[in-house]
Amino acid sequence: MRFQTVSILTAASLASALTPQGFVPGSQSQLFVQYGNQAALNGAVALRDSTQVQPTLATSQRLQGTYAVLMVDLDIPTDTPGQTNTLLHWLQTGLTSSTQATTFNTTGGTSNGGQVFLLQNRGNAAPLAEYIGPNPPAREPLSHRYTFILVDHSTITQQGLNALSAAAQTRIGFNALDVLTQAGLASRVVAGNFFNVTNPGPVGADNGSGQANPTDGSQQPSDSNTFTQPAASGNVQAAGIVTVPRVGVASLCVGLVSALLWAL
């Protein structure tokens, strides 16, 4: 049985608890998202460390056809106060429903009475955009909404597939509605959901891993706090370059020598 698709106008006019209010194309059908034994549903707060491996996905009904999942961060910080950008975290095509229902156990209880149909990548289709785990930086907003939409691409054309593939190459400023429209899939959204991950702060704290941090649309090298915020899209202005240099080894040596000479 195929889920009833939601048109763009319907998605825009209805406030759904399953995708963030105002997000289009949204859905009122549940996409179950689970990390390990932890459910990440309906805006719940999840821990960053528990979301670094791509989740298990499922629906309450068995779907016919082939599906794609998109995961987008809606709260990428910019240098313009009050304005945010977006970042594509995952785009996987080629998903199909399992033939048998299974129990979805979570720490919050059993989802949907227990019986769901897992979405599986039986054909081992390569992701158009590999999964990136949530990692909000210590910048406003500290809390990020990670939004999932499931799209029926059973009848996608080669041109549409090319459009998806091309769009996935630019993660920052990802506009799901525009991309799905170009791929001919804007009216084929069948399910959705979102959860939150929050940086504990404070703002400006260096509490990350010190490694590449694509969650803010940038690279955060291990030897500095320098990163570049790429140009934004839509009503978000282009952000600039923020640099917080670290003290180098040579500078420390010079300082120590000077201190010893002064002491003598």
C-alpha atoms as a PDB file:
ATOM      1  CA  MET A   1       0.000   0.000   0.000  1.00  0.00           C
ATOM      2  CA  ARG A   2       1.437   3.332  -1.020  1.00  0.00           C
ATOM      3  CA  PHE A   3       1.247   6.314   1.324  1.00  0.00           C
ATOM      4  CA  GLN A   4      -0.883   9.172   0.088  1.00  0.00           C
ATOM      5  CA  THR A   5       1.435  11.885  -1.171  1.00  0.00           C
ATOM      6  CA  VAL A   6       1.166  15.424   0.106  1.00  0.00           C
ATOM      7  CA  SER A   7       0.988  18.291  -2.361  1.00  0.00           C
ATOM      8  CA  ILE A   8       3.151  21.374  -1.950  1.00  0.00           C
ATOM      9  CA  LEU A   9       0.166  23.597  -1.218  1.00  0.00           C
ATOM     10  CA  THR A  10      -1.203  21.224   1.381  1.00  0.00           C
ATOM     11  CA  ALA A  11       2.173  20.876   3.046  1.00  0.00           C
ATOM     12  CA  ALA A  12       2.596  24.636   3.127  1.00  0.00           C
ATOM     13  CA  SER A  13      -0.824  25.278   4.641  1.00  0.00           C
ATOM     14  CA  LEU A  14      -0.816  22.609   7.358  1.00  0.00           C
ATOM     15  CA  ALA A  15       1.176  22.803  10.562  1.00  0.00           C
ATOM     16  CA  SER A  16       2.468  19.291  11.089  1.00  0.00           C
ATOM     17  CA  ALA A  17       4.085  17.928  14.229  1.00  0.00           C
ATOM     18  CA  LEU A  18       6.114  15.530  12.104  1.00  0.00           C
ATOM     19  CA  THR A  19       8.151  18.135  10.251  1.00  0.00           C
ATOM     20  CA  PRO A  20       8.967  21.599  11.635  1.00  0.00           C
ATOM     21  CA  GLN A  21       6.308  24.251  11.195  1.00  0.00           C
ATOM     22  CA  GLY A  22       6.911  26.207   8.006  1.00  0.00           C
ATOM     23  CA  PHE A  23       9.141  23.557   6.442  1.00  0.00           C
ATOM     24  CA  VAL A  24       8.121  22.521   2.931  1.00  0.00           C
ATOM     25  CA  PRO A  25       7.545  20.061   1.518  1.00  0.00           C
ATOM     26  CA  GLY A  26       6.325  18.613   4.823  1.00  0.00           C
ATOM     27  CA  SER A  27       4.329  15.547   5.753  1.00  0.00           C
ATOM     28  CA  GLN A  28       1.744  14.390   8.260  1.00  0.00           C
ATOM     29  CA  SER A  29       2.769  10.738   7.931  1.00  0.00           C
ATOM     30  CA  GLN A  30       5.280   9.353  10.413  1.00  0.00           C
ATOM     31  CA  LEU A  31       8.783   8.368   9.384  1.00  0.00           C
ATOM     32  CA  PHE A  32      10.242   6.457  12.321  1.00  0.00           C
ATOM     33  CA  VAL A  33      13.865   7.363  13.020  1.00  0.00           C
ATOM     34  CA  GLN A  34      15.899   5.325  15.482  1.00  0.00           C
ATOM     35  CA  TYR A  35      19.559   5.528  16.572  1.00  0.00           C
ATOM     36  CA  GLY A  36      20.483   2.287  18.285  1.00  0.00           C
ATOM     37  CA  ASN A  37      17.622   1.867  20.749  1.00  0.00           C
ATOM     38  CA  GLN A  38      16.919   5.596  20.940  1.00  0.00           C
ATOM     39  CA  ALA A  39      13.926   7.049  19.089  1.00  0.00           C
ATOM     40  CA  ALA A  40      14.481  10.460  17.492  1.00  0.00           C
ATOM     41  CA  LEU A  41      10.937  11.612  16.784  1.00  0.00           C
ATOM     42  CA  ASN A  42       8.592  14.590  16.887  1.00  0.00           C
ATOM     43  CA  GLY A  43      11.166  17.209  17.828  1.00  0.00           C
ATOM     44  CA  ALA A  44      12.665  15.215  20.695  1.00  0.00           C
ATOM     45  CA  VAL A  45      16.161  16.144  21.877  1.00  0.00           C
ATOM     46  CA  ALA A  46      18.836  13.574  21.024  1.00  0.00           C
ATOM     47  CA  LEU A  47      22.449  13.419  22.185  1.00  0.00           C
ATOM     48  CA  ARG A  48      25.082  14.301  19.605  1.00  0.00           C
ATOM     49  CA  ASP A  49      27.216  11.242  20.363  1.00  0.00           C
ATOM     50  CA  SER A  50      24.289   8.869  19.820  1.00  0.00           C
ATOM     51  CA  THR A  51      23.533  10.220  16.332  1.00  0.00           C
ATOM     52  CA  GLN A  52      26.883   9.866  14.570  1.00  0.00           C
ATOM     53  CA  VAL A  53      25.959   6.678  12.699  1.00  0.00           C
ATOM     54  CA  GLN A  54      23.120   6.750  10.187  1.00  0.00           C
ATOM     55  CA  PRO A  55      19.800   5.750  11.764  1.00  0.00           C
ATOM     56  CA  THR A  56      17.358   2.946  11.118  1.00  0.00           C
ATOM     57  CA  LEU A  57      14.246   4.139   9.277  1.00  0.00           C
ATOM     58  CA  ALA A  58      10.778   2.610   9.194  1.00  0.00           C
ATOM     59  CA  THR A  59       7.135   3.298   8.364  1.00  0.00           C
ATOM     60  CA  SER A  60       3.926   2.046   9.938  1.00  0.00           C
ATOM     61  CA  GLN A  61       2.714   0.590   6.633  1.00  0.00           C
ATOM     62  CA  ARG A  62       4.533  -1.436   4.042  1.00  0.00           C
ATOM     63  CA  LEU A  63       5.407   0.741   1.061  1.00  0.00           C
ATOM     64  CA  GLN A  64       5.461  -0.329  -2.551  1.00  0.00           C
ATOM     65  CA  GLY A  65       8.112   1.166  -4.786  1.00  0.00           C
ATOM     66  CA  THR A  66      11.476   2.800  -4.194  1.00  0.00           C
ATOM     67  CA  TYR A  67      12.202   5.727  -1.896  1.00  0.00           C
ATOM     68  CA  ALA A  68      14.797   8.351  -1.043  1.00  0.00           C
ATOM     69  CA  VAL A  69      15.469   9.913   2.346  1.00  0.00           C
ATOM     70  CA  LEU A  70      16.742  13.457   2.817  1.00  0.00           C
ATOM     71  CA  MET A  71      18.103  14.767   6.128  1.00  0.00           C
ATOM     72  CA  VAL A  72      18.565  18.541   6.408  1.00  0.00           C
ATOM     73  CA  ASP A  73      19.783  20.762   9.246  1.00  0.00           C
ATOM     74  CA  LEU A  74      17.587  23.877   9.235  1.00  0.00           C
ATOM     75  CA  ASP A  75      19.611  25.923  11.730  1.00  0.00           C
ATOM     76  CA  ILE A  76      23.092  26.534  10.367  1.00  0.00           C
ATOM     77  CA  PRO A  77      24.448  29.767  11.928  1.00  0.00           C
ATOM     78  CA  THR A  78      25.430  32.725   9.777  1.00  0.00           C
ATOM     79  CA  ASP A  79      27.095  36.063  10.493  1.00  0.00           C
ATOM     80  CA  THR A  80      23.715  37.814  10.250  1.00  0.00           C
ATOM     81  CA  PRO A  81      21.907  37.733  13.627  1.00  0.00           C
ATOM     82  CA  GLY A  82      18.548  35.998  13.465  1.00  0.00           C
ATOM     83  CA  GLN A  83      19.193  34.418  10.067  1.00  0.00           C
ATOM     84  CA  THR A  84      20.147  30.804   9.475  1.00  0.00           C
ATOM     85  CA  ASN A  85      21.161  28.615   6.569  1.00  0.00           C
ATOM     86  CA  THR A  86      20.607  24.937   5.786  1.00  0.00           C
ATOM     87  CA  LEU A  87      22.880  21.942   5.347  1.00  0.00           C
ATOM     88  CA  LEU A  88      22.201  18.599   3.679  1.00  0.00           C
ATOM     89  CA  HIS A  89      23.295  15.796   6.024  1.00  0.00           C
ATOM     90  CA  TRP A  90      22.173  12.762   4.055  1.00  0.00           C
ATOM     91  CA  LEU A  91      20.597  11.840   0.730  1.00  0.00           C
ATOM     92  CA  GLN A  92      20.065   8.148   0.127  1.00  0.00           C
ATOM     93  CA  THR A  93      18.083   6.662  -2.750  1.00  0.00           C
ATOM     94  CA  GLY A  94      17.033   3.084  -3.475  1.00  0.00           C
ATOM     95  CA  LEU A  95      15.194   2.320  -0.223  1.00  0.00           C
ATOM     96  CA  THR A  96      12.432  -0.300  -0.171  1.00  0.00           C
ATOM     97  CA  SER A  97      10.147  -1.639   2.559  1.00  0.00           C
ATOM     98  CA  SER A  98      10.857  -4.909   4.304  1.00  0.00           C
ATOM     99  CA  THR A  99       8.365  -7.652   3.526  1.00  0.00           C
ATOM    100  CA  GLN A 100       7.729  -8.482   7.175  1.00  0.00           C
ATOM    101  CA  ALA A 101       6.830  -6.169  10.030  1.00  0.00           C
ATOM    102  CA  THR A 102       9.248  -5.929  12.923  1.00  0.00           C
ATOM    103  CA  THR A 103       9.207  -4.466  16.409  1.00  0.00           C
ATOM    104  CA  PHE A 104      10.820  -1.073  16.847  1.00  0.00           C
ATOM    105  CA  ASN A 105      12.070  -0.982  20.429  1.00  0.00           C
ATOM    106  CA  THR A 106      13.139   2.372  21.852  1.00  0.00           C
ATOM    107  CA  THR A 107      14.138   3.733  25.237  1.00  0.00           C
ATOM    108  CA  GLY A 108      10.899   5.689  25.226  1.00  0.00           C
ATOM    109  CA  GLY A 109       8.726   2.641  24.654  1.00  0.00           C
ATOM    110  CA  THR A 110       7.642   0.808  21.530  1.00  0.00           C
ATOM    111  CA  SER A 111       6.921   3.008  18.527  1.00  0.00           C
ATOM    112  CA  ASN A 112       3.525   2.704  16.839  1.00  0.00           C
ATOM    113  CA  GLY A 113       2.403  -0.266  18.881  1.00  0.00           C
ATOM    114  CA  GLY A 114       5.572  -2.125  17.983  1.00  0.00           C
ATOM    115  CA  GLN A 115       5.004  -3.141  14.379  1.00  0.00           C
ATOM    116  CA  VAL A 116       6.795  -1.235  11.628  1.00  0.00           C
ATOM    117  CA  PHE A 117       8.327  -1.953   8.232  1.00  0.00           C
ATOM    118  CA  LEU A 118      12.029  -1.194   7.955  1.00  0.00           C
ATOM    119  CA  LEU A 119      13.359   0.754   4.988  1.00  0.00           C
ATOM    120  CA  GLN A 120      16.240  -1.187   3.489  1.00  0.00           C
ATOM    121  CA  ASN A 121      18.901  -0.528   0.885  1.00  0.00           C
ATOM    122  CA  ARG A 122      18.797  -4.002  -0.628  1.00  0.00           C
ATOM    123  CA  GLY A 123      20.491  -2.928  -3.835  1.00  0.00           C
ATOM    124  CA  ASN A 124      23.386  -1.305  -1.942  1.00  0.00           C
ATOM    125  CA  ALA A 125      22.811   1.982  -3.742  1.00  0.00           C
ATOM    126  CA  ALA A 126      25.583   4.452  -2.987  1.00  0.00           C
ATOM    127  CA  PRO A 127      24.346   7.560  -1.156  1.00  0.00           C
ATOM    128  CA  LEU A 128      24.136  10.720  -3.231  1.00  0.00           C
ATOM    129  CA  ALA A 129      25.308  12.492  -0.066  1.00  0.00           C
ATOM    130  CA  GLU A 130      26.969  10.394   2.618  1.00  0.00           C
ATOM    131  CA  TYR A 131      25.605  10.620   6.138  1.00  0.00           C
ATOM    132  CA  ILE A 132      27.057  13.362   8.360  1.00  0.00           C
ATOM    133  CA  GLY A 133      26.232  13.128  12.049  1.00  0.00           C
ATOM    134  CA  PRO A 134      24.836  16.185  13.877  1.00  0.00           C
ATOM    135  CA  ASN A 135      27.493  18.419  15.442  1.00  0.00           C
ATOM    136  CA  PRO A 136      26.099  21.895  16.226  1.00  0.00           C
ATOM    137  CA  PRO A 137      28.860  24.469  16.781  1.00  0.00           C
ATOM    138  CA  ALA A 138      28.992  26.788  19.788  1.00  0.00           C
ATOM    139  CA  ARG A 139      27.227  29.557  17.882  1.00  0.00           C
ATOM    140  CA  GLU A 140      23.647  30.785  17.942  1.00  0.00           C
ATOM    141  CA  PRO A 141      21.386  28.938  17.501  1.00  0.00           C
ATOM    142  CA  LEU A 142      22.831  26.272  19.792  1.00  0.00           C
ATOM    143  CA  SER A 143      19.891  23.929  19.118  1.00  0.00           C
ATOM    144  CA  HIS A 144      19.516  22.531  15.590  1.00  0.00           C
ATOM    145  CA  ARG A 145      16.502  20.840  13.976  1.00  0.00           C
ATOM    146  CA  TYR A 146      17.426  17.813  11.878  1.00  0.00           C
ATOM    147  CA  THR A 147      14.587  17.169   9.465  1.00  0.00           C
ATOM    148  CA  PHE A 148      13.881  13.968   7.518  1.00  0.00           C
ATOM    149  CA  ILE A 149      11.601  13.556   4.535  1.00  0.00           C
ATOM    150  CA  LEU A 150      10.891  10.329   2.679  1.00  0.00           C
ATOM    151  CA  VAL A 151      10.209  10.672  -1.040  1.00  0.00           C
ATOM    152  CA  ASP A 152       8.736   8.172  -3.503  1.00  0.00           C
ATOM    153  CA  HIS A 153      11.106   8.116  -6.484  1.00  0.00           C
ATOM    154  CA  SER A 154       9.757   4.958  -8.120  1.00  0.00           C
ATOM    155  CA  THR A 155       9.014   6.798 -11.369  1.00  0.00           C
ATOM    156  CA  ILE A 156      11.908   9.264 -11.364  1.00  0.00           C
ATOM    157  CA  THR A 157      13.408  10.038 -14.764  1.00  0.00           C
ATOM    158  CA  GLN A 158      17.116  10.017 -15.513  1.00  0.00           C
ATOM    159  CA  GLN A 159      16.932  13.800 -15.722  1.00  0.00           C
ATOM    160  CA  GLY A 160      15.365  13.889 -12.269  1.00  0.00           C
ATOM    161  CA  LEU A 161      18.005  11.568 -10.850  1.00  0.00           C
ATOM    162  CA  ASN A 162      20.710  13.759 -12.354  1.00  0.00           C
ATOM    163  CA  ALA A 163      19.117  16.785 -10.684  1.00  0.00           C
ATOM    164  CA  LEU A 164      19.189  15.049  -7.289  1.00  0.00           C
ATOM    165  CA  SER A 165      22.783  13.969  -7.767  1.00  0.00           C
ATOM    166  CA  ALA A 166      23.918  17.432  -8.822  1.00  0.00           C
ATOM    167  CA  ALA A 167      22.125  19.134  -5.925  1.00  0.00           C
ATOM    168  CA  ALA A 168      23.721  16.763  -3.413  1.00  0.00           C
ATOM    169  CA  GLN A 169      27.160  18.058  -4.362  1.00  0.00           C
ATOM    170  CA  THR A 170      26.435  21.376  -2.635  1.00  0.00           C
ATOM    171  CA  ARG A 171      25.337  20.658   0.914  1.00  0.00           C
ATOM    172  CA  ILE A 172      25.304  24.195   2.295  1.00  0.00           C
ATOM    173  CA  GLY A 173      22.230  26.233   1.397  1.00  0.00           C
ATOM    174  CA  PHE A 174      20.328  23.071   0.429  1.00  0.00           C
ATOM    175  CA  ASN A 175      16.713  23.902  -0.446  1.00  0.00           C
ATOM    176  CA  ALA A 176      14.673  20.692  -0.322  1.00  0.00           C
ATOM    177  CA  LEU A 177      11.646  22.137  -2.109  1.00  0.00           C
ATOM    178  CA  ASP A 178      13.685  23.545  -4.993  1.00  0.00           C
ATOM    179  CA  VAL A 179      15.694  20.344  -5.376  1.00  0.00           C
ATOM    180  CA  LEU A 180      12.659  18.063  -5.340  1.00  0.00           C
ATOM    181  CA  THR A 181      10.863  20.349  -7.783  1.00  0.00           C
ATOM    182  CA  GLN A 182      13.788  20.120 -10.204  1.00  0.00           C
ATOM    183  CA  ALA A 183      13.748  16.338  -9.817  1.00  0.00           C
ATOM    184  CA  GLY A 184       9.978  16.142 -10.384  1.00  0.00           C
ATOM    185  CA  LEU A 185       9.399  14.827  -6.848  1.00  0.00           C
ATOM    186  CA  ALA A 186       7.979  17.801  -4.946  1.00  0.00           C
ATOM    187  CA  SER A 187       4.553  16.159  -4.691  1.00  0.00           C
ATOM    188  CA  ARG A 188       5.941  12.725  -3.820  1.00  0.00           C
ATOM    189  CA  VAL A 189       6.821  13.271  -0.146  1.00  0.00           C
ATOM    190  CA  VAL A 190       5.213  10.443   1.833  1.00  0.00           C
ATOM    191  CA  ALA A 191       6.559  10.751   5.387  1.00  0.00           C
ATOM    192  CA  GLY A 192       8.689  12.952   7.594  1.00  0.00           C
ATOM    193  CA  ASN A 193      10.054  13.663  11.042  1.00  0.00           C
ATOM    194  CA  PHE A 194      12.622  15.740  12.919  1.00  0.00           C
ATOM    195  CA  PHE A 195      14.633  15.831  16.111  1.00  0.00           C
ATOM    196  CA  ASN A 196      16.883  18.329  17.880  1.00  0.00           C
ATOM    197  CA  VAL A 197      20.525  18.240  18.929  1.00  0.00           C
ATOM    198  CA  THR A 198      21.811  21.026  21.168  1.00  0.00           C
ATOM    199  CA  ASN A 199      25.340  22.270  21.774  1.00  0.00           C
ATOM    200  CA  PRO A 200      25.669  22.759  25.564  1.00  0.00           C
ATOM    201  CA  GLY A 201      27.451  26.077  25.015  1.00  0.00           C
ATOM    202  CA  PRO A 202      28.370  28.621  26.037  1.00  0.00           C
ATOM    203  CA  VAL A 203      28.419  30.490  22.753  1.00  0.00           C
ATOM    204  CA  GLY A 204      31.982  30.775  21.491  1.00  0.00           C
ATOM    205  CA  ALA A 205      33.282  27.833  23.533  1.00  0.00           C
ATOM    206  CA  ASP A 206      35.706  25.443  21.845  1.00  0.00           C
ATOM    207  CA  ASN A 207      33.814  22.336  22.922  1.00  0.00           C
ATOM    208  CA  GLY A 208      33.879  20.478  19.624  1.00  0.00           C
ATOM    209  CA  SER A 209      36.064  17.653  18.489  1.00  0.00           C
ATOM    210  CA  GLY A 210      38.549  19.935  16.743  1.00  0.00           C
ATOM    211  CA  GLN A 211      38.033  17.971  13.548  1.00  0.00           C
ATOM    212  CA  ALA A 212      36.177  18.745  10.359  1.00  0.00           C
ATOM    213  CA  ASN A 213      32.809  20.174  11.367  1.00  0.00           C
ATOM    214  CA  PRO A 214      30.508  20.225   8.352  1.00  0.00           C
ATOM    215  CA  THR A 215      27.522  20.870  10.607  1.00  0.00           C
ATOM    216  CA  ASP A 216      28.154  24.594  10.402  1.00  0.00           C
ATOM    217  CA  GLY A 217      28.830  24.372   6.674  1.00  0.00           C
ATOM    218  CA  SER A 218      32.547  24.726   7.141  1.00  0.00           C
ATOM    219  CA  GLN A 219      35.809  23.043   7.907  1.00  0.00           C
ATOM    220  CA  GLN A 220      37.231  23.420  11.407  1.00  0.00           C
ATOM    221  CA  PRO A 221      40.902  22.328  11.219  1.00  0.00           C
ATOM    222  CA  SER A 222      42.501  20.708  14.244  1.00  0.00           C
ATOM    223  CA  ASP A 223      45.197  23.379  14.603  1.00  0.00           C
ATOM    224  CA  SER A 224      43.031  26.514  14.556  1.00  0.00           C
ATOM    225  CA  ASN A 225      39.535  27.810  15.102  1.00  0.00           C
ATOM    226  CA  THR A 226      39.432  29.308  11.621  1.00  0.00           C
ATOM    227  CA  PHE A 227      36.520  28.449   9.430  1.00  0.00           C
ATOM    228  CA  THR A 228      34.809  29.827   6.344  1.00  0.00           C
ATOM    229  CA  GLN A 229      31.034  30.143   6.143  1.00  0.00           C
ATOM    230  CA  PRO A 230      30.106  29.680   2.452  1.00  0.00           C
ATOM    231  CA  ALA A 231      27.657  31.981   0.727  1.00  0.00           C
ATOM    232  CA  ALA A 232      24.082  31.425   1.835  1.00  0.00           C
ATOM    233  CA  SER A 233      21.007  31.094  -0.313  1.00  0.00           C
ATOM    234  CA  GLY A 234      17.491  32.501  -0.248  1.00  0.00           C
ATOM    235  CA  ASN A 235      16.982  35.276   2.269  1.00  0.00           C
ATOM    236  CA  VAL A 236      20.142  34.406   4.144  1.00  0.00           C
ATOM    237  CA  GLN A 237      22.991  36.767   3.432  1.00  0.00           C
ATOM    238  CA  ALA A 238      26.452  35.525   2.621  1.00  0.00           C
ATOM    239  CA  ALA A 239      28.577  35.102   5.705  1.00  0.00           C
ATOM    240  CA  GLY A 240      32.192  36.063   6.004  1.00  0.00           C
ATOM    241  CA  ILE A 241      35.288  34.522   7.505  1.00  0.00           C
ATOM    242  CA  VAL A 242      35.742  34.180  11.244  1.00  0.00           C
ATOM    243  CA  THR A 243      39.274  33.708  12.522  1.00  0.00           C
ATOM    244  CA  VAL A 244      40.367  32.951  16.059  1.00  0.00           C
ATOM    245  CA  PRO A 245      44.117  32.226  15.776  1.00  0.00           C
ATOM    246  CA  ARG A 246      45.889  29.946  18.218  1.00  0.00           C
ATOM    247  CA  VAL A 247      49.299  30.639  19.708  1.00  0.00           C
ATOM    248  CA  GLY A 248      52.009  28.883  17.697  1.00  0.00           C
ATOM    249  CA  VAL A 249      54.956  26.915  19.065  1.00  0.00           C
ATOM    250  CA  ALA A 250      57.469  29.494  17.818  1.00  0.00           C
ATOM    251  CA  SER A 251      55.664  32.287  19.640  1.00  0.00           C
ATOM    252  CA  LEU A 252      55.719  30.296  22.871  1.00  0.00           C
ATOM    253  CA  CYS A 253      59.468  29.676  22.548  1.00  0.00           C
ATOM    254  CA  VAL A 254      60.203  33.359  21.992  1.00  0.00           C
ATOM    255  CA  GLY A 255      58.121  34.218  25.028  1.00  0.00           C
ATOM    256  CA  LEU A 256      59.962  31.736  27.255  1.00  0.00           C
ATOM    257  CA  VAL A 257      63.404  32.932  26.148  1.00  0.00           C
ATOM    258  CA  SER A 258      62.437  36.545  26.796  1.00  0.00           C
ATOM    259  CA  ALA A 259      61.189  35.645  30.254  1.00  0.00           C
ATOM    260  CA  LEU A 260      64.460  33.851  31.153  1.00  0.00           C
ATOM    261  CA  LEU A 261      66.628  36.744  29.959  1.00  0.00           C
ATOM    262  CA  TRP A 262      64.526  39.185  31.977  1.00  0.00           C
ATOM    263  CA  ALA A 263      64.917  36.996  35.075  1.00  0.00           C
ATOM    264  CA  LEU A 264      68.728  36.954  34.649  1.00  0.00           C
END
